[in-house]
PDB file of N, CA and C in Angstrom:
ATOM      1  N   MET A   1       0.830  -1.199   0.000  1.00  0.00           N
ATOM      2  CA  MET A   1       0.000   0.000   0.000  1.00  0.00           C
ATOM      3  C   MET A   1       0.873   1.262   0.000  1.00  0.00           C
ATOM      4  N   ARG A   2       1.938   1.238   0.782  1.00  0.00           N
ATOM      5  CA  ARG A   2       2.836   2.397   0.855  1.00  0.00           C
ATOM      6  C   ARG A   2       3.476   2.675  -0.505  1.00  0.00           C
ATOM      7  N   PHE A   3       3.844   1.617  -1.222  1.00  0.00           N
ATOM      8  CA  PHE A   3       4.447   1.772  -2.548  1.00  0.00           C
ATOM      9  C   PHE A   3       3.458   2.428  -3.515  1.00  0.00           C
ATOM     10  N   PHE A   4       2.189   2.025  -3.457  1.00  0.00           N
ATOM     11  CA  PHE A   4       1.154   2.607  -4.309  1.00  0.00           C
ATOM     12  C   PHE A   4       1.005   4.101  -4.048  1.00  0.00           C
ATOM     13  N   ILE A   5       1.013   4.498  -2.793  1.00  0.00           N
ATOM     14  CA  ILE A   5       0.884   5.912  -2.435  1.00  0.00           C
ATOM     15  C   ILE A   5       2.071   6.705  -2.963  1.00  0.00           C
ATOM     16  N   ILE A   6       3.251   6.139  -2.862  1.00  0.00           N
ATOM     17  CA  ILE A   6       4.454   6.825  -3.365  1.00  0.00           C
ATOM     18  C   ILE A   6       4.364   7.008  -4.878  1.00  0.00           C
ATOM     19  N   ILE A   7       3.922   5.984  -5.594  1.00  0.00           N
ATOM     20  CA  ILE A   7       3.782   6.073  -7.047  1.00  0.00           C
ATOM     21  C   ILE A   7       2.772   7.157  -7.423  1.00  0.00           C
ATOM     22  N   VAL A   8       1.643   7.218  -6.731  1.00  0.00           N
ATOM     23  CA  VAL A   8       0.623   8.226  -7.009  1.00  0.00           C
ATOM     24  C   VAL A   8       1.173   9.620  -6.759  1.00  0.00           C
ATOM     25  N   LEU A   9       1.882   9.811  -5.668  1.00  0.00           N
ATOM     26  CA  LEU A   9       2.458  11.123  -5.363  1.00  0.00           C
ATOM     27  C   LEU A   9       3.472  11.548  -6.418  1.00  0.00           C
ATOM     28  N   VAL A  10       4.282  10.637  -6.886  1.00  0.00           N
ATOM     29  CA  VAL A  10       5.280  10.958  -7.913  1.00  0.00           C
ATOM     30  C   VAL A  10       4.582  11.348  -9.218  1.00  0.00           C
ATOM     31  N   LEU A  11       3.543  10.624  -9.596  1.00  0.00           N
ATOM     32  CA  LEU A  11       2.832  10.944 -10.836  1.00  0.00           C
ATOM     33  C   LEU A  11       2.184  12.318 -10.783  1.00  0.00           C
ATOM     34  N   PHE A  12       1.550  12.649  -9.659  1.00  0.00           N
ATOM     35  CA  PHE A  12       0.885  13.947  -9.555  1.00  0.00           C
ATOM     36  C   PHE A  12       1.882  15.087  -9.410  1.00  0.00           C
ATOM     37  N   SER A  13       3.050  14.854  -8.841  1.00  0.00           N
ATOM     38  CA  SER A  13       4.021  15.928  -8.654  1.00  0.00           C
ATOM     39  C   SER A  13       4.771  16.253  -9.944  1.00  0.00           C
ATOM     40  N   THR A  14       4.729  15.372 -10.936  1.00  0.00           N
ATOM     41  CA  THR A  14       5.446  15.630 -12.188  1.00  0.00           C
ATOM     42  C   THR A  14       4.519  16.123 -13.296  1.00  0.00           C
ATOM     43  N   ASN A  15       3.280  16.456 -12.965  1.00  0.00           N
ATOM     44  CA  ASN A  15       2.301  16.932 -13.951  1.00  0.00           C
ATOM     45  C   ASN A  15       2.101  15.940 -15.088  1.00  0.00           C
ATOM     46  N   SER A  16       2.090  14.657 -14.772  1.00  0.00           N
ATOM     47  CA  SER A  16       1.891  13.622 -15.784  1.00  0.00           C
ATOM     48  C   SER A  16       0.501  13.671 -16.390  1.00  0.00           C
ATOM     49  N   PHE A  17      -0.432  14.290 -15.697  1.00  0.00           N
ATOM     50  CA  PHE A  17      -1.802  14.333 -16.169  1.00  0.00           C
ATOM     51  C   PHE A  17      -2.173  15.692 -16.757  1.00  0.00           C
ATOM     52  N   ALA A  18      -1.206  16.545 -16.999  1.00  0.00           N
ATOM     53  CA  ALA A  18      -1.486  17.867 -17.567  1.00  0.00           C
ATOM     54  C   ALA A  18      -1.916  17.717 -19.022  1.00  0.00           C
ATOM     55  N   HIS A  19      -2.942  18.459 -19.415  1.00  0.00           N
ATOM     56  CA  HIS A  19      -3.452  18.374 -20.771  1.00  0.00           C
ATOM     57  C   HIS A  19      -2.747  19.329 -21.716  1.00  0.00           C
ATOM     58  N   HIS A  20      -2.155  20.387 -21.177  1.00  0.00           N
ATOM     59  CA  HIS A  20      -1.511  21.388 -22.016  1.00  0.00           C
ATOM     60  C   HIS A  20      -0.083  21.616 -21.530  1.00  0.00           C
ATOM     61  N   PRO A  21       0.844  21.752 -22.452  1.00  0.00           N
ATOM     62  CA  PRO A  21       2.210  22.062 -22.020  1.00  0.00           C
ATOM     63  C   PRO A  21       2.291  23.498 -21.504  1.00  0.00           C
ATOM     64  N   GLY A  22       3.217  23.750 -20.615  1.00  0.00           N
ATOM     65  CA  GLY A  22       3.410  25.096 -20.097  1.00  0.00           C
ATOM     66  C   GLY A  22       3.996  26.011 -21.155  1.00  0.00           C
ATOM     67  N   HIS A  23       3.632  27.269 -21.100  1.00  0.00           N
ATOM     68  CA  HIS A  23       4.158  28.249 -22.042  1.00  0.00           C
ATOM     69  C   HIS A  23       4.875  29.332 -21.257  1.00  0.00           C
ATOM     70  N   LYS A  24       6.081  29.614 -21.659  1.00  0.00           N
ATOM     71  CA  LYS A  24       6.864  30.648 -21.006  1.00  0.00           C
ATOM     72  C   LYS A  24       6.506  31.993 -21.626  1.00  0.00           C
ATOM     73  N   VAL A  25       6.258  32.980 -20.780  1.00  0.00           N
ATOM     74  CA  VAL A  25       5.940  34.324 -21.234  1.00  0.00           C
ATOM     75  C   VAL A  25       7.100  35.227 -20.852  1.00  0.00           C
ATOM     76  N   GLU A  26       7.731  35.801 -21.836  1.00  0.00           N
ATOM     77  CA  GLU A  26       8.852  36.708 -21.588  1.00  0.00           C
ATOM     78  C   GLU A  26       8.323  38.094 -21.255  1.00  0.00           C
ATOM     79  N   VAL A  27       8.912  38.718 -20.272  1.00  0.00           N
ATOM     80  CA  VAL A  27       8.496  40.051 -19.843  1.00  0.00           C
ATOM     81  C   VAL A  27       9.632  41.020 -20.127  1.00  0.00           C
ATOM     82  N   ALA A  28       9.286  42.115 -20.770  1.00  0.00           N
ATOM     83  CA  ALA A  28      10.282  43.140 -21.067  1.00  0.00           C
ATOM     84  C   ALA A  28      10.069  44.326 -20.121  1.00  0.00           C
ATOM     85  N   PRO A  29      11.129  45.032 -19.784  1.00  0.00           N
ATOM     86  CA  PRO A  29      10.987  46.210 -18.917  1.00  0.00           C
ATOM     87  C   PRO A  29      10.088  47.236 -19.569  1.00  0.00           C
ATOM     88  N   PRO A  30       9.340  47.981 -18.867  1.00  0.00           N
ATOM     89  CA  PRO A  30       9.229  48.056 -17.412  1.00  0.00           C
ATOM     90  C   PRO A  30       8.384  46.901 -16.865  1.00  0.00           C
ATOM     91  N   LEU A  31       8.856  46.303 -15.774  1.00  0.00           N
ATOM     92  CA  LEU A  31       8.192  45.160 -15.179  1.00  0.00           C
ATOM     93  C   LEU A  31       7.010  45.597 -14.324  1.00  0.00           C
ATOM     94  N   PRO A  32       5.943  44.787 -14.311  1.00  0.00           N
ATOM     95  CA  PRO A  32       4.807  45.106 -13.443  1.00  0.00           C
ATOM     96  C   PRO A  32       5.195  44.931 -11.974  1.00  0.00           C
ATOM     97  N   SER A  33       4.484  45.654 -11.096  1.00  0.00           N
ATOM     98  CA  SER A  33       4.771  45.529  -9.671  1.00  0.00           C
ATOM     99  C   SER A  33       3.480  45.578  -8.866  1.00  0.00           C
ATOM    100  N   VAL A  34       3.535  44.964  -7.690  1.00  0.00           N
ATOM    101  CA  VAL A  34       2.420  44.963  -6.753  1.00  0.00           C
ATOM    102  C   VAL A  34       2.968  45.402  -5.402  1.00  0.00           C
ATOM    103  N   ASN A  35       2.352  46.423  -4.830  1.00  0.00           N
ATOM    104  CA  ASN A  35       2.724  46.890  -3.497  1.00  0.00           C
ATOM    105  C   ASN A  35       1.512  46.750  -2.581  1.00  0.00           C
ATOM    106  N   LEU A  36       1.727  46.145  -1.420  1.00  0.00           N
ATOM    107  CA  LEU A  36       0.664  45.957  -0.440  1.00  0.00           C
ATOM    108  C   LEU A  36       0.979  46.757   0.809  1.00  0.00           C
ATOM    109  N   GLU A  37      -0.054  47.356   1.396  1.00  0.00           N
ATOM    110  CA  GLU A  37       0.109  48.099   2.642  1.00  0.00           C
ATOM    111  C   GLU A  37      -1.088  47.766   3.540  1.00  0.00           C
ATOM    112  N   ILE A  38      -0.803  47.355   4.767  1.00  0.00           N
ATOM    113  CA  ILE A  38      -1.847  47.042   5.737  1.00  0.00           C
ATOM    114  C   ILE A  38      -1.735  48.048   6.872  1.00  0.00           C
ATOM    115  N   MET A  39      -2.865  48.698   7.155  1.00  0.00           N
ATOM    116  CA  MET A  39      -2.875  49.696   8.233  1.00  0.00           C
ATOM    117  C   MET A  39      -4.025  49.373   9.182  1.00  0.00           C
ATOM    118  N   LYS A  40      -3.773  49.543  10.487  1.00  0.00           N
ATOM    119  CA  LYS A  40      -4.811  49.332  11.478  1.00  0.00           C
ATOM    120  C   LYS A  40      -5.862  50.427  11.354  1.00  0.00           C
ATOM    121  N   ASP A  41      -7.124  50.030  11.348  1.00  0.00           N
ATOM    122  CA  ASP A  41      -8.242  50.958  11.230  1.00  0.00           C
ATOM    123  C   ASP A  41      -8.454  51.659  12.569  1.00  0.00           C
ATOM    124  N   SER A  42      -8.856  52.926  12.521  1.00  0.00           N
ATOM    125  CA  SER A  42      -9.063  53.685  13.763  1.00  0.00           C
ATOM    126  C   SER A  42     -10.308  53.197  14.510  1.00  0.00           C
ATOM    127  N   VAL A  43     -11.249  52.565  13.816  1.00  0.00           N
ATOM    128  CA  VAL A  43     -12.469  52.078  14.463  1.00  0.00           C
ATOM    129  C   VAL A  43     -12.297  50.630  14.902  1.00  0.00           C
ATOM    130  N   ASP A  44     -12.094  49.729  13.937  1.00  0.00           N
ATOM    131  CA  ASP A  44     -11.950  48.307  14.247  1.00  0.00           C
ATOM    132  C   ASP A  44     -11.429  47.584  13.016  1.00  0.00           C
ATOM    133  N   GLY A  45     -10.438  46.732  13.183  1.00  0.00           N
ATOM    134  CA  GLY A  45      -9.932  45.924  12.077  1.00  0.00           C
ATOM    135  C   GLY A  45      -8.740  46.548  11.382  1.00  0.00           C
ATOM    136  N   TYR A  46      -8.567  46.152  10.123  1.00  0.00           N
ATOM    137  CA  TYR A  46      -7.420  46.584   9.333  1.00  0.00           C
ATOM    138  C   TYR A  46      -7.869  46.976   7.932  1.00  0.00           C
ATOM    139  N   ASN A  47      -7.108  47.841   7.292  1.00  0.00           N
ATOM    140  CA  ASN A  47      -7.341  48.246   5.908  1.00  0.00           C
ATOM    141  C   ASN A  47      -6.180  47.748   5.057  1.00  0.00           C
ATOM    142  N   LEU A  48      -6.505  47.148   3.923  1.00  0.00           N
ATOM    143  CA  LEU A  48      -5.504  46.655   2.986  1.00  0.00           C
ATOM    144  C   LEU A  48      -5.538  47.524   1.745  1.00  0.00           C
ATOM    145  N   TYR A  49      -4.395  48.098   1.390  1.00  0.00           N
ATOM    146  CA  TYR A  49      -4.256  48.920   0.195  1.00  0.00           C
ATOM    147  C   TYR A  49      -3.388  48.159  -0.807  1.00  0.00           C
ATOM    148  N   ILE A  50      -3.876  48.015  -2.040  1.00  0.00           N
ATOM    149  CA  ILE A  50      -3.166  47.308  -3.088  1.00  0.00           C
ATOM    150  C   ILE A  50      -2.859  48.305  -4.195  1.00  0.00           C
ATOM    151  N   ASP A  51      -1.581  48.454  -4.516  1.00  0.00           N
ATOM    152  CA  ASP A  51      -1.141  49.379  -5.559  1.00  0.00           C
ATOM    153  C   ASP A  51      -0.538  48.555  -6.709  1.00  0.00           C
ATOM    154  N   LEU A  52      -1.206  48.545  -7.851  1.00  0.00           N
ATOM    155  CA  LEU A  52      -0.742  47.824  -9.037  1.00  0.00           C
ATOM    156  C   LEU A  52      -0.171  48.826 -10.025  1.00  0.00           C
ATOM    157  N   LYS A  53       1.004  48.519 -10.566  1.00  0.00           N
ATOM    158  CA  LYS A  53       1.622  49.412 -11.540  1.00  0.00           C
ATOM    159  C   LYS A  53       2.085  48.623 -12.761  1.00  0.00           C
ATOM    160  N   LYS A  54       1.871  49.220 -13.931  1.00  0.00           N
ATOM    161  CA  LYS A  54       2.357  48.699 -15.219  1.00  0.00           C
ATOM    162  C   LYS A  54       1.745  47.347 -15.598  1.00  0.00           C
ATOM    163  N   PHE A  55       0.459  47.163 -15.321  1.00  0.00           N
ATOM    164  CA  PHE A  55      -0.230  45.956 -15.744  1.00  0.00           C
ATOM    165  C   PHE A  55      -0.982  46.223 -17.006  1.00  0.00           C
TER     166      PHE A  55
END
């Protein structure tokens, strides 16, 4: 049973069941960026600010 589990894990970790090959996407400068900022709210909880650039 242990051998069967190992075989299953190896098959799933190597993407043996993938239907489409991976495609590499080359990125040229300027590169996109994501900036996150979390600030404590004055009333209750937290505020999350997401700044996306060059998408």
